Protein backbone atom coordinates (compact mmCIF):
# COMPACT_ATOMS: atom_id res chain seq x y z
CA MET A 1 112.16 103.91 112.15
CA ALA A 2 115.62 103.72 113.67
CA ILE A 3 116.34 104.43 117.31
CA ARG A 4 117.26 108.01 118.13
CA PHE A 5 119.49 108.57 121.14
CA TYR A 6 119.61 111.25 123.78
CA MET A 7 122.99 111.58 125.49
CA ASP A 8 123.34 112.53 129.12
CA VAL A 9 126.06 115.04 130.00
CA HIS A 10 128.19 112.22 131.45
CA VAL A 11 128.68 110.58 128.03
CA PRO A 12 132.03 111.33 126.36
CA MET A 13 131.63 113.42 123.20
CA ALA A 14 133.72 110.83 121.34
CA ILE A 15 130.82 108.37 121.58
CA THR A 16 128.39 110.91 120.16
CA GLU A 17 130.75 111.88 117.34
CA GLN A 18 131.46 108.28 116.35
CA LEU A 19 127.75 107.43 116.29
CA ARG A 20 127.03 110.43 114.10
CA ARG A 21 129.77 109.33 111.69
CA ARG A 22 127.83 106.06 111.41
CA GLY A 23 124.61 107.93 110.59
CA VAL A 24 122.97 107.49 114.00
CA ASP A 25 120.62 110.27 115.14
CA VAL A 26 122.02 111.60 118.43
CA LEU A 27 121.03 114.63 120.48
CA THR A 28 122.98 115.64 123.57
CA ALA A 29 121.49 117.26 126.66
CA ILE A 30 123.92 120.14 126.12
CA GLU A 31 122.73 120.71 122.53
CA ASP A 32 119.14 120.54 123.77
CA GLU A 33 119.96 123.14 126.46
CA SER A 34 118.80 120.64 129.08
CA ALA A 35 122.11 119.87 130.77
CA THR A 36 121.04 121.37 134.07
CA LEU A 37 117.75 119.47 134.36
CA LYS A 38 117.30 117.05 137.25
CA ASP A 39 117.64 113.38 136.34
CA ASP A 40 113.90 112.69 136.36
CA GLU A 41 113.25 115.76 134.20
CA LEU A 42 115.93 114.70 131.73
CA LEU A 43 114.56 111.16 131.44
CA ALA A 44 111.10 112.65 130.85
CA ARG A 45 112.56 115.09 128.28
CA ALA A 46 114.25 112.31 126.30
CA SER A 47 111.02 110.31 126.37
CA LYS A 48 108.96 113.30 125.21
CA LEU A 49 111.32 113.67 122.25
CA GLY A 50 110.94 109.97 121.37
CA ARG A 51 114.56 109.20 122.19
CA VAL A 52 116.27 106.48 124.18
CA LEU A 53 118.51 107.94 126.87
CA PHE A 54 122.12 106.72 127.01
CA THR A 55 123.99 107.47 130.21
CA GLN A 56 127.01 106.42 132.19
CA ASP A 57 125.53 107.79 135.41
CA ILE A 58 124.41 105.01 137.78
CA ARG A 59 121.75 107.30 139.30
CA PHE A 60 119.87 107.30 135.99
CA LYS A 61 119.83 103.52 135.97
CA ALA A 62 118.39 103.47 139.48
CA LEU A 63 115.82 106.12 138.53
CA ALA A 64 114.66 104.23 135.43
CA GLU A 65 114.40 100.97 137.39
CA ASP A 66 112.31 102.81 139.98
CA TRP A 67 110.04 104.12 137.21
CA GLN A 68 109.69 100.53 135.94
CA ARG A 69 108.51 99.40 139.40
CA GLN A 70 106.06 102.30 139.58
CA GLY A 71 104.73 101.66 136.09
CA LYS A 72 105.76 105.16 135.01
CA ALA A 73 106.37 105.25 131.25
CA PHE A 74 109.66 106.33 129.71
CA GLY A 75 111.24 105.92 126.29
CA GLY A 76 114.02 103.56 127.36
CA LEU A 77 117.38 103.84 129.03
CA ILE A 78 120.72 102.31 128.17
CA PHE A 79 123.37 102.34 130.87
CA GLY A 80 127.03 101.93 130.01
CA HIS A 81 129.26 101.47 133.03
CA GLN A 82 132.35 103.66 132.57
CA LEU A 83 134.77 100.98 133.75
CA ARG A 84 133.30 97.99 131.93
CA GLY A 85 133.56 99.09 128.33
CA THR A 86 135.58 101.14 125.92
CA ILE A 87 134.34 103.99 123.79
CA GLY A 88 134.61 101.67 120.80
CA GLN A 89 132.49 98.98 122.47
CA PHE A 90 129.79 101.47 123.40
CA VAL A 91 129.74 102.92 119.88
CA LYS A 92 129.50 99.46 118.32
CA ASP A 93 126.69 98.34 120.63
CA LEU A 94 124.71 101.59 120.32
CA ALA A 95 125.02 101.59 116.52
CA LEU A 96 123.71 98.02 116.46
CA ILE A 97 120.77 98.98 118.68
CA ALA A 98 119.98 101.99 116.48
CA GLN A 99 119.91 99.87 113.33
CA ALA A 100 118.33 96.67 114.63
CA SER A 101 115.48 97.81 116.85
CA GLU A 102 112.43 100.05 116.85
CA PRO A 103 111.54 102.81 119.34
CA ASN A 104 108.45 100.98 120.63
CA GLU A 105 110.68 98.05 121.66
CA TRP A 106 112.44 100.32 124.16
CA ILE A 107 109.45 101.67 126.08
CA ASN A 108 110.13 101.12 129.82
CA ILE A 109 113.30 99.10 129.11
CA VAL A 110 116.62 99.41 130.95
CA GLU A 111 119.58 97.80 129.18
CA HIS A 112 123.23 97.53 130.18
CA LEU A 113 126.27 97.90 127.91
CA PRO A 114 128.58 96.56 126.76
CA PHE A 115 126.81 93.45 125.52
């Protein structure tokens, strides 16, 4: 089963659109009517849906790392720093992740992009 992504509201729509053109399953917080949830609620929501959260919000990275320390389960988080990668780099890396890994490999994992 391929990775399914959940996009935080801070992710440019161009990334979502490009991933979808590549056949990647992507759901945005806006489409899920969850854009106003607090960060911890949104990370829990993505996990409940069996999706890996992609964000460019540093607070999410800190939250997920805190959950790691606490042993609190989540479905995985990928953080892409806005100033360290292009939309194209993020799309390429996320598409690779979607095709080359399994959801269970992302449980309680925090990854940084671009590679």
